[in-house]
C-alpha cells in the first residue's frame, strides 16, 4: 500500500501549495462536558429493562392504520384481524436499532443534558463553527472502536460514503497536469453489485468528474473480482463493498478480499454500517471478527443503526482524514451534527461496550428464528424474497393486520420481481416475539421442513 500512501501524500502537498488544506478547529463548550462524557458516569445494566421495549413497540392511531391499509392491496380471504377493534400496538421488525440503544436511559440523559447546556448549537459546517470538543471526543472513540488512527464525523452515513468517494476522485485530478487525468491516471473503482445506494451515488459523482473508471463485480464473487483486477492495467485500484448487505443480510467475504488485496495492492474500503456494534467481542464490526482492521484502509460507518442515533463517519489514517475534510463535498458543505446527537452517540458507544449482553441477545434471536423456521439466516437482517410488487404488498398487509410493523421493499430499492419483506431483529426482541412473528409469517409463507434446505415460498 506504499503507492497509495505516496499518492495521498502528494495530493495533500498539492492542496497545501494552493492553500486548500482544511482542518477542523474544535470550539470548547462548558467544562461540564468533561463530566458528561465520563464513561464511569454512564449508568448501565446487566439485562433488558422495561425501556428496551419502547425501541420495538410502536402505536398507530385508527385513522393512520386504516389509511395505510387502504394503500395496500387486499388479497381477499387471506387477511386476519379485520374487525374495528384490531390492536394498534405493533411490534416493530423493520428498524435498524439492532441493540435497542435508542431508548436507553444513558442515551436519553446524554442528549437531554447536552440540549439543556448548549441547545442545538453552535450550528454551522464542521469547518466553520459546527465542530466542538463533543465532536472531537466522539471521533476519537470511533477511531478506537475501529482500530484506526483517526475518524471524521459526517451528517449521515450516506454523506460519509459520498465524502470519501469525492475525496478519492480528487487525487487523480490534483496529481494530473492541468487537472485533467488521462485514462491511465484515473482511479479504477471495483464495486460489489449489491452495494448501498450511497456508495453507488458517490461513485457516480467521481465518474461524472471523469476521475474514475468503474467496474462492478458480481455479488460476493471473488473469482469475478480477481479476473477484473487482473485485466485492469490502471495503477490506482480501489475495491469497496458493504460488510453486511442491508437488503440481503449476507456478509462480504472479508478474508478473501484481504487475500486479493495482498495480491493486487488495491485500496480496500469497507462500509461497516450494519455490523458496527453488532459483530465482534467489542462491537468493532466484521473487521474485528476477522482481526483484519489493519488490512482495511478505509472503514465507513453510521451512527443511525446499532448506535441508535444519527450520523456517519469515516475511520481512517490521519492523512486520509486531512484529504476527506479538504475535498469531501458532502462533509464540507453540510451542517455538522447537533451537539445533543453527538453526546447521545458517545453515550451509546459506552453502553454498547459495557452491556455486552446486547450482542449476545441479538444473536440469540437470530438462532431462535433459524430454529423455528429452519432457514439458514446468518445475520439480524432477514430478507424474505417474494417476487412481484403486489405479492409483497399483500404480505406486508397481512403482517400489519397481524400486529407487526414490516413494510414491503420494492423498486428502486431492489430490482423488479425481487420484492420482499425485510425483517430486522433487535436485542430488545424476546423469544416470544420471535415465536409470534414466525406464527404470523407461517400463515403467508411455507418454510422448509426440518430435513430440507429450501427457500421459503409464498402462499399465493
Protein backbone atom coordinates (compact mmCIF):
# COMPACT_ATOMS: atom_id res chain seq x y z
CA UNK A 1 0.00 0.00 0.00
CA UNK A 2 3.05 2.23 -0.17
CA UNK A 3 1.92 3.65 -3.52
CA UNK A 4 -1.44 4.76 -2.13
CA UNK A 5 0.32 6.44 0.78
CA UNK A 6 2.50 8.29 -1.72
CA UNK A 7 -0.46 9.38 -3.81
CA UNK A 8 -2.39 10.68 -0.80
CA UNK A 9 0.71 12.49 0.50
CA UNK A 10 1.32 14.05 -2.91
CA UNK A 11 -2.32 15.20 -3.10
CA UNK A 12 -2.02 16.82 0.34
CA UNK A 13 1.19 18.60 -0.71
CA UNK A 14 -0.60 19.91 -3.80
CA UNK A 15 -3.50 21.15 -1.69
CA UNK A 16 -1.12 22.82 0.75
CA UNK A 17 0.68 24.58 -2.10
CA UNK A 18 -2.67 26.05 -3.17
CA UNK A 19 -3.66 26.89 0.42
CA UNK A 20 -6.58 24.47 0.12
CA UNK A 21 -5.88 22.18 3.09
CA UNK A 22 -8.71 22.42 5.60
CA UNK A 23 -8.87 21.36 9.23
CA UNK A 24 -11.48 21.35 11.98
CA UNK A 25 -10.90 23.61 14.99
CA UNK A 26 -12.97 22.48 17.97
CA UNK A 27 -14.98 25.02 19.90
CA UNK A 28 -14.65 24.22 23.59
CA UNK A 29 -18.02 24.13 25.29
CA UNK A 30 -18.61 24.38 29.03
CA UNK A 31 -16.43 22.38 31.44
CA UNK A 32 -19.47 20.28 32.33
CA UNK A 33 -18.86 18.41 29.11
CA UNK A 34 -15.86 16.63 30.63
CA UNK A 35 -18.01 15.10 33.40
CA UNK A 36 -20.82 14.43 30.95
CA UNK A 37 -18.56 12.32 28.77
CA UNK A 38 -17.01 10.32 31.61
CA UNK A 39 -17.61 6.63 30.93
CA UNK A 40 -17.82 5.98 34.67
CA UNK A 41 -20.82 8.30 34.88
CA UNK A 42 -22.82 6.35 32.30
CA UNK A 43 -25.31 4.04 34.00
CA UNK A 44 -25.51 0.55 32.53
CA UNK A 45 -27.50 -2.60 33.30
CA UNK A 46 -26.92 -6.34 33.26
CA UNK A 47 -30.00 -7.24 31.25
CA UNK A 48 -33.09 -5.88 29.47
CA UNK A 49 -35.35 -3.40 31.23
CA UNK A 50 -38.81 -2.02 30.54
CA UNK A 51 -37.48 0.88 28.44
CA UNK A 52 -35.97 -1.51 25.91
CA UNK A 53 -39.48 -2.38 24.74
CA UNK A 54 -40.06 1.16 23.51
CA UNK A 55 -37.48 0.56 20.78
CA UNK A 56 -39.51 -2.34 19.31
CA UNK A 57 -43.09 -1.35 20.12
CA UNK A 58 -44.94 1.36 18.24
CA UNK A 59 -48.53 2.57 18.25
CA UNK A 60 -50.67 3.76 15.39
CA UNK A 61 -53.98 5.56 15.66
CA UNK A 62 -57.07 4.17 13.93
CA UNK A 63 -57.09 6.71 11.12
CA UNK A 64 -53.45 6.18 10.21
CA UNK A 65 -53.86 2.43 10.40
CA UNK A 66 -56.86 2.46 8.03
CA UNK A 67 -55.11 4.85 5.64
CA UNK A 68 -52.15 2.52 5.49
CA UNK A 69 -54.43 -0.47 4.84
CA UNK A 70 -56.24 1.41 2.08
CA UNK A 71 -52.94 1.83 0.23
CA UNK A 72 -52.25 -1.91 0.28
CA UNK A 73 -53.98 -4.49 -1.94
CA UNK A 74 -56.48 -6.75 -0.20
CA UNK A 75 -55.91 -10.35 -1.31
CA UNK A 76 -59.36 -11.29 -0.09
CA UNK A 77 -59.96 -14.15 2.26
CA UNK A 78 -56.37 -14.19 3.47
CA UNK A 79 -56.46 -11.20 5.79
CA UNK A 80 -56.90 -11.66 9.51
CA UNK A 81 -57.97 -9.30 12.28
CA UNK A 82 -60.18 -7.20 10.03
CA UNK A 83 -62.52 -6.06 12.80
CA UNK A 84 -62.55 -2.50 14.04
CA UNK A 85 -61.02 -3.47 17.37
CA UNK A 86 -57.73 -4.59 15.86
CA UNK A 87 -54.83 -3.57 18.07
CA UNK A 88 -52.92 -0.53 17.01
CA UNK A 89 -49.91 -1.53 19.06
CA UNK A 90 -47.41 -3.02 16.62
CA UNK A 91 -44.23 -4.98 17.12
CA UNK A 92 -41.50 -3.26 15.13
CA UNK A 93 -39.46 -5.61 12.95
CA UNK A 94 -38.41 -3.08 10.32
CA UNK A 95 -35.98 -0.72 12.06
CA UNK A 96 -32.19 -0.75 12.29
CA UNK A 97 -31.85 -0.14 16.04
CA UNK A 98 -30.20 -3.54 16.40
CA UNK A 99 -29.20 -3.25 20.05
CA UNK A 100 -32.18 -1.22 21.25
CA UNK A 101 -29.88 1.60 22.35
CA UNK A 102 -32.06 4.46 21.09
CA UNK A 103 -34.25 4.17 24.18
CA UNK A 104 -31.51 3.57 26.77
CA UNK A 105 -31.67 5.93 29.79
CA UNK A 106 -27.99 6.86 29.41
CA UNK A 107 -28.53 7.86 25.79
CA UNK A 108 -31.63 9.88 26.68
CA UNK A 109 -29.85 11.56 29.58
CA UNK A 110 -26.84 12.47 27.47
CA UNK A 111 -28.99 14.08 24.77
CA UNK A 112 -31.12 15.97 27.31
CA UNK A 113 -28.14 17.22 29.31
CA UNK A 114 -26.33 18.47 26.21
CA UNK A 115 -29.50 20.15 24.93
CA UNK A 116 -30.06 21.89 28.27
CA UNK A 117 -26.48 23.16 28.40
CA UNK A 118 -25.89 24.01 24.75
CA UNK A 119 -29.18 23.87 22.87
CA UNK A 120 -28.69 22.51 19.35
CA UNK A 121 -25.66 24.64 18.53
CA UNK A 122 -23.37 26.06 17.56
CA UNK A 123 -24.86 25.44 14.11
CA UNK A 124 -22.66 25.51 11.02
CA UNK A 125 -20.44 23.25 8.97
CA UNK A 126 -17.62 21.49 10.79
CA UNK A 127 -15.05 23.68 9.04
CA UNK A 128 -16.79 26.89 10.11
CA UNK A 129 -18.21 26.68 13.64
CA UNK A 130 -20.05 23.36 13.94
CA UNK A 131 -17.19 21.33 15.40
CA UNK A 132 -16.79 21.12 19.17
CA UNK A 133 -14.95 19.14 21.83
CA UNK A 134 -18.02 16.85 21.85
CA UNK A 135 -17.43 16.02 18.18
CA UNK A 136 -13.71 15.56 18.71
CA UNK A 137 -14.23 13.08 21.55
CA UNK A 138 -16.77 11.06 19.57
CA UNK A 139 -14.34 10.87 16.65
CA UNK A 140 -11.62 9.60 18.99
CA UNK A 141 -13.98 6.96 20.41
CA UNK A 142 -14.97 5.76 16.94
CA UNK A 143 -11.33 5.62 15.82
CA UNK A 144 -10.57 3.47 18.86
CA UNK A 145 -13.57 1.22 18.15
CA UNK A 146 -12.43 0.70 14.57
CA UNK A 147 -8.72 0.48 15.47
CA UNK A 148 -7.80 3.37 13.18
CA UNK A 149 -5.58 6.43 13.58
CA UNK A 150 -8.39 8.92 13.19
CA UNK A 151 -12.01 9.43 12.28
CA UNK A 152 -14.13 12.07 10.56
CA UNK A 153 -17.78 12.66 11.52
CA UNK A 154 -20.32 13.30 8.77
CA UNK A 155 -24.02 14.27 8.93
CA UNK A 156 -25.17 10.82 7.73
CA UNK A 157 -23.76 7.51 6.58
CA UNK A 158 -24.81 8.50 3.06
CA UNK A 159 -22.74 11.67 3.33
CA UNK A 160 -19.77 9.69 4.66
CA UNK A 161 -19.66 7.48 1.56
CA UNK A 162 -20.05 10.41 -0.81
CA UNK A 163 -17.38 12.41 1.05
CA UNK A 164 -14.91 9.55 0.82
CA UNK A 165 -15.62 8.97 -2.86
CA UNK A 166 -15.33 12.63 -3.86
CA UNK A 167 -12.04 12.93 -1.94
CA UNK A 168 -10.79 9.73 -3.56
CA UNK A 169 -11.52 11.02 -7.04
CA UNK A 170 -9.79 14.31 -6.33
CA UNK A 171 -6.42 12.53 -6.00
CA UNK A 172 -6.01 11.93 -9.71
CA UNK A 173 -7.22 15.44 -10.61
CA UNK A 174 -4.79 17.02 -8.15
CA UNK A 175 -1.86 14.99 -9.48
CA UNK A 176 -2.70 15.32 -13.17
CA UNK A 177 -1.12 18.04 -15.28
CA UNK A 178 -3.74 20.70 -15.87
CA UNK A 179 -6.16 18.92 -13.55
CA UNK A 180 -7.41 16.57 -16.27
CA UNK A 181 -6.29 12.99 -15.69
CA UNK A 182 -5.52 10.78 -18.64
CA UNK A 183 -7.11 7.35 -18.86
CA UNK A 184 -4.18 5.63 -17.14
CA UNK A 185 -4.13 8.28 -14.39
CA UNK A 186 -7.75 7.70 -13.42
CA UNK A 187 -8.80 5.57 -10.47
CA UNK A 188 -10.23 2.12 -11.10
CA UNK A 189 -13.09 1.51 -8.67
CA UNK A 190 -14.33 -2.05 -8.18
CA UNK A 191 -17.74 -2.19 -6.53
CA UNK A 192 -19.92 -5.10 -5.40
CA UNK A 193 -23.12 -5.30 -7.44
CA UNK A 194 -25.29 -5.01 -4.31
CA UNK A 195 -23.51 -2.12 -2.61
CA UNK A 196 -25.61 0.52 -0.86
CA UNK A 197 -27.04 3.43 -2.85
CA UNK A 198 -24.74 5.90 -1.07
CA UNK A 199 -21.69 4.07 -2.44
CA UNK A 200 -23.22 3.97 -5.90
CA UNK A 201 -24.06 7.69 -5.87
CA UNK A 202 -20.58 8.56 -4.62
CA UNK A 203 -19.08 6.52 -7.45
CA UNK A 204 -21.36 8.24 -9.97
CA UNK A 205 -20.11 11.62 -8.78
CA UNK A 206 -16.47 10.61 -9.28
CA UNK A 207 -17.29 9.06 -12.64
CA UNK A 208 -19.07 12.21 -13.77
CA UNK A 209 -15.98 14.23 -12.86
CA UNK A 210 -14.07 11.93 -15.24
CA UNK A 211 -11.79 10.87 -12.41
CA UNK A 212 -12.56 7.14 -12.37
CA UNK A 213 -13.44 4.06 -14.34
CA UNK A 214 -15.96 1.80 -12.61
CA UNK A 215 -16.04 -1.99 -12.62
CA UNK A 216 -18.97 -3.77 -10.96
CA UNK A 217 -18.27 -7.32 -9.86
CA UNK A 218 -20.92 -9.94 -9.24
CA UNK A 219 -22.19 -10.03 -5.69
CA UNK A 220 -19.56 -11.60 -3.37
CA UNK A 221 -17.93 -13.24 -6.41
CA UNK A 222 -14.19 -13.16 -5.72
CA UNK A 223 -13.36 -15.10 -8.89
CA UNK A 224 -15.03 -12.39 -10.95
CA UNK A 225 -13.35 -9.63 -8.94
CA UNK A 226 -9.93 -11.27 -9.33
CA UNK A 227 -10.46 -11.53 -13.08
CA UNK A 228 -11.42 -7.85 -13.34
CA UNK A 229 -8.42 -6.79 -11.25
CA UNK A 230 -6.05 -8.96 -13.28
CA UNK A 231 -7.23 -7.46 -16.57
CA UNK A 232 -7.08 -3.87 -15.35
CA UNK A 233 -3.85 -2.02 -16.25
CA UNK A 234 -4.67 1.10 -14.22
CA UNK A 235 -2.34 1.69 -11.28
CA UNK A 236 -4.78 3.26 -8.82
CA UNK A 237 -7.18 0.46 -7.88
CA UNK A 238 -9.87 0.64 -5.17
CA UNK A 239 -12.27 -2.08 -4.02
CA UNK A 240 -15.30 -1.04 -2.00
CA UNK A 241 -18.02 -3.20 -0.51
CA UNK A 242 -20.61 -3.34 2.23
CA UNK A 243 -19.61 -5.63 5.09
CA UNK A 244 -23.19 -6.71 5.90
CA UNK A 245 -25.52 -6.13 2.96
CA UNK A 246 -28.61 -4.24 4.04
CA UNK A 247 -31.17 -5.88 1.75
CA UNK A 248 -29.95 -9.50 1.61
CA UNK A 249 -28.48 -9.87 5.08
CA UNK A 250 -25.34 -11.66 3.92
CA UNK A 251 -21.72 -10.79 4.65
CA UNK A 252 -18.89 -9.81 2.35
CA UNK A 253 -16.10 -12.42 2.09
CA UNK A 254 -13.64 -10.35 4.10
CA UNK A 255 -10.85 -12.93 4.29
CA UNK A 256 -10.90 -13.40 0.51
CA UNK A 257 -10.85 -9.64 -0.04
CA UNK A 258 -7.82 -9.30 2.22
CA UNK A 259 -6.01 -12.01 0.24
CA UNK A 260 -6.84 -10.27 -3.04
CA UNK A 261 -5.57 -7.01 -1.58
CA UNK A 262 -2.21 -8.64 -0.90
CA UNK A 263 -2.10 -9.91 -4.47
CA UNK A 264 -3.22 -6.77 -6.30
CA UNK A 265 -2.28 -3.96 -3.91
CA UNK A 266 -5.60 -2.12 -4.13
CA UNK A 267 -7.04 0.28 -1.57
CA UNK A 268 -9.73 -1.56 0.39
CA UNK A 269 -12.75 0.38 1.68
CA UNK A 270 -15.50 -1.27 3.72
CA UNK A 271 -18.90 0.17 4.59
CA UNK A 272 -19.41 -1.41 8.01
CA UNK A 273 -22.73 0.32 8.69
CA UNK A 274 -24.83 -2.72 9.60
CA UNK A 275 -22.24 -4.72 11.54
CA UNK A 276 -20.85 -1.92 13.73
CA UNK A 277 -21.63 -2.75 17.41
CA UNK A 278 -23.46 -5.89 16.22
CA UNK A 279 -20.41 -8.01 15.38
CA UNK A 280 -17.21 -8.56 17.32
CA UNK A 281 -16.43 -9.00 21.00
CA UNK A 282 -16.22 -5.23 21.49
CA UNK A 283 -18.67 -4.29 18.75
CA UNK A 284 -15.92 -3.30 16.32
CA UNK A 285 -17.84 -4.86 13.45
CA UNK A 286 -16.99 -7.52 10.92
CA UNK A 287 -13.36 -6.41 10.71
CA UNK A 288 -12.90 -7.13 14.41
CA UNK A 289 -14.40 -10.59 13.94
CA UNK A 290 -11.74 -11.43 11.35
CA UNK A 291 -8.97 -9.46 13.07
CA UNK A 292 -8.21 -7.64 9.82
CA UNK A 293 -8.59 -3.98 10.81
CA UNK A 294 -5.05 -3.22 9.61
CA UNK A 295 -5.80 -4.84 6.23
CA UNK A 296 -8.71 -2.47 5.55
CA UNK A 297 -7.67 1.07 4.66
CA UNK A 298 -10.99 2.90 4.98
CA UNK A 299 -13.86 1.92 7.29
CA UNK A 300 -17.09 3.81 6.73
CA UNK A 301 -19.91 3.60 9.23
CA UNK A 302 -23.06 5.12 10.61
CA UNK A 303 -24.49 6.21 13.94
CA UNK A 304 -28.06 5.61 12.79
CA UNK A 305 -28.12 1.81 13.01
CA UNK A 306 -26.95 -0.06 16.13
CA UNK A 307 -25.71 3.16 17.77
CA UNK A 308 -29.34 4.24 17.79
CA UNK A 309 -28.72 7.89 16.91
CA UNK A 310 -27.86 9.74 13.69
CA UNK A 311 -24.76 10.47 11.65
CA UNK A 312 -21.95 8.88 9.71
CA UNK A 313 -18.20 8.56 9.97
CA UNK A 314 -15.05 7.59 8.10
CA UNK A 315 -12.41 5.82 10.21
CA UNK A 316 -9.03 6.07 8.51
CA UNK A 317 -5.46 7.37 8.77
CA UNK A 318 -4.60 10.96 9.70
CA UNK A 319 -3.67 11.73 6.09
CA UNK A 320 -6.86 10.34 4.66
CA UNK A 321 -8.83 12.40 7.15
CA UNK A 322 -6.99 15.52 6.03
CA UNK A 323 -7.82 14.75 2.42
CA UNK A 324 -11.50 13.95 3.03
CA UNK A 325 -12.15 17.04 5.15
CA UNK A 326 -10.46 19.14 2.45
CA UNK A 327 -12.11 17.58 -0.62
CA UNK A 328 -15.15 15.62 0.59
CA UNK A 329 -18.00 17.74 -0.70
CA UNK A 330 -20.81 16.22 1.39
CA UNK A 331 -18.71 16.86 4.51
CA UNK A 332 -17.54 20.37 3.61
CA UNK A 333 -20.93 21.69 2.54
CA UNK A 334 -23.14 20.13 5.24
CA UNK A 335 -24.06 21.45 8.65
CA UNK A 336 -22.41 19.49 11.43
CA UNK A 337 -24.31 17.14 13.74
CA UNK A 338 -26.07 18.89 16.66
CA UNK A 339 -24.28 18.56 20.00
CA UNK A 340 -27.12 16.56 21.68
CA UNK A 341 -26.90 13.92 18.93
CA UNK A 342 -23.14 13.71 19.34
CA UNK A 343 -23.46 13.41 23.12
CA UNK A 344 -26.08 10.68 22.79
CA UNK A 345 -23.92 8.80 20.27
CA UNK A 346 -20.94 8.83 22.61
CA UNK A 347 -23.06 7.57 25.49
CA UNK A 348 -24.39 4.81 23.22
CA UNK A 349 -20.86 3.65 22.43
CA UNK A 350 -20.07 3.48 26.13
CA UNK A 351 -23.23 1.47 26.85
CA UNK A 352 -22.56 -0.91 23.95
CA UNK A 353 -19.06 -1.59 25.25
CA UNK A 354 -20.26 -2.29 28.79
CA UNK A 355 -23.55 -4.08 28.10
CA UNK A 356 -22.13 -6.96 26.07
CA UNK A 357 -25.30 -8.94 26.75
CA UNK A 358 -26.98 -6.94 23.99
CA UNK A 359 -24.80 -8.54 21.33
CA UNK A 360 -25.44 -11.94 22.85
CA UNK A 361 -29.18 -11.24 22.83
CA UNK A 362 -29.44 -10.21 19.19
CA UNK A 363 -27.52 -13.29 18.02
CA UNK A 364 -29.75 -15.44 20.22
CA UNK A 365 -32.73 -14.02 18.35
CA UNK A 366 -31.04 -14.98 15.06
CA UNK A 367 -30.66 -18.52 16.41
CA UNK A 368 -34.31 -18.52 17.54
CA UNK A 369 -35.54 -17.53 14.08
CA UNK A 370 -33.38 -20.20 12.47
CA UNK A 371 -34.61 -22.89 14.85
CA UNK A 372 -38.28 -22.01 14.32
CA UNK A 373 -38.15 -21.67 10.52
CA UNK A 374 -35.27 -23.97 9.53
CA UNK A 375 -33.91 -21.15 7.40
CA UNK A 376 -30.19 -20.54 7.16
CA UNK A 377 -30.21 -16.93 8.41
CA UNK A 378 -26.72 -15.60 9.09
CA UNK A 379 -27.43 -12.10 10.42
CA UNK A 380 -30.15 -9.97 12.09
CA UNK A 381 -31.28 -8.92 8.61
CA UNK A 382 -33.80 -11.40 7.20
CA UNK A 383 -34.78 -11.00 3.58
CA UNK A 384 -37.89 -12.94 2.56
CA UNK A 385 -37.93 -12.52 -1.21
CA UNK A 386 -41.45 -12.83 -2.60
CA UNK A 387 -41.26 -11.64 -6.20
CA UNK A 388 -43.92 -9.31 -7.55
CA UNK A 389 -44.73 -5.95 -6.03
CA UNK A 390 -48.38 -6.89 -5.47
CA UNK A 391 -47.46 -10.09 -3.64
CA UNK A 392 -45.01 -8.24 -1.39
CA UNK A 393 -47.61 -5.57 -0.58
CA UNK A 394 -50.19 -8.25 0.25
CA UNK A 395 -47.71 -9.90 2.58
CA UNK A 396 -46.99 -6.57 4.22
CA UNK A 397 -50.72 -6.01 4.72
CA UNK A 398 -51.06 -9.43 6.31
CA UNK A 399 -48.25 -8.68 8.76
CA UNK A 400 -49.72 -5.26 9.57
CA UNK A 401 -53.13 -6.79 10.32
CA UNK A 402 -51.35 -9.40 12.43
CA UNK A 403 -49.76 -6.69 14.58
CA UNK A 404 -46.29 -6.40 13.02
CA UNK A 405 -44.69 -3.31 11.51
CA UNK A 406 -42.93 -4.81 8.48
CA UNK A 407 -43.03 -2.94 5.18
CA UNK A 408 -42.60 -4.30 1.67
CA UNK A 409 -39.34 -3.41 -0.04
CA UNK A 410 -39.90 -2.53 -3.68
CA UNK A 411 -38.05 -0.97 -6.64
CA UNK A 412 -35.95 1.12 -6.84
CA UNK A 413 -34.55 -0.24 -3.55
CA UNK A 414 -34.46 -3.75 -5.02
CA UNK A 415 -34.67 -4.95 -8.65
CA UNK A 416 -38.06 -5.70 -10.21
CA UNK A 417 -39.57 -9.08 -9.32
CA UNK A 418 -37.36 -9.36 -6.24
CA UNK A 419 -39.72 -7.52 -3.88
CA UNK A 420 -39.52 -8.73 -0.32
CA UNK A 421 -40.25 -8.37 3.33
CA UNK A 422 -37.13 -7.13 5.07
CA UNK A 423 -37.22 -8.18 8.71
CA UNK A 424 -34.70 -6.93 11.23
CA UNK A 425 -34.10 -8.39 14.67
CA UNK A 426 -33.15 -6.48 17.79
CA UNK A 427 -31.66 -7.26 21.17
CA UNK A 428 -34.88 -5.77 22.56
CA UNK A 429 -36.96 -8.53 20.99
CA UNK A 430 -37.76 -11.59 23.09
CA UNK A 431 -38.09 -15.26 22.20
CA UNK A 432 -41.88 -14.85 22.50
CA UNK A 433 -41.73 -12.00 19.95
CA UNK A 434 -39.94 -14.28 17.51
CA UNK A 435 -42.47 -17.08 18.07
CA UNK A 436 -45.36 -14.70 17.33
CA UNK A 437 -43.55 -13.36 14.27
CA UNK A 438 -42.92 -16.82 12.84
CA UNK A 439 -46.51 -17.87 13.55
CA UNK A 440 -47.82 -14.88 11.59
CA UNK A 441 -45.36 -15.45 8.76
CA UNK A 442 -46.35 -19.13 8.61
CA UNK A 443 -49.87 -18.12 7.55
CA UNK A 444 -48.33 -16.50 4.46
CA UNK A 445 -45.14 -18.44 3.79
CA UNK A 446 -44.22 -22.09 3.53
CA UNK A 447 -40.98 -22.61 5.41
CA UNK A 448 -38.71 -25.56 4.58
CA UNK A 449 -39.17 -28.80 6.50
CA UNK A 450 -36.61 -29.84 9.09
CA UNK A 451 -34.76 -32.10 6.65
CA UNK A 452 -34.75 -29.64 3.77
CA UNK A 453 -32.56 -26.70 2.87
CA UNK A 454 -35.10 -25.00 0.63
CA UNK A 455 -36.01 -21.37 0.38
CA UNK A 456 -39.39 -20.07 1.55
CA UNK A 457 -42.31 -19.97 -0.81
CA UNK A 458 -45.22 -17.55 -0.51
CA UNK A 459 -48.73 -18.94 -0.10
CA UNK A 460 -50.21 -17.17 -3.10
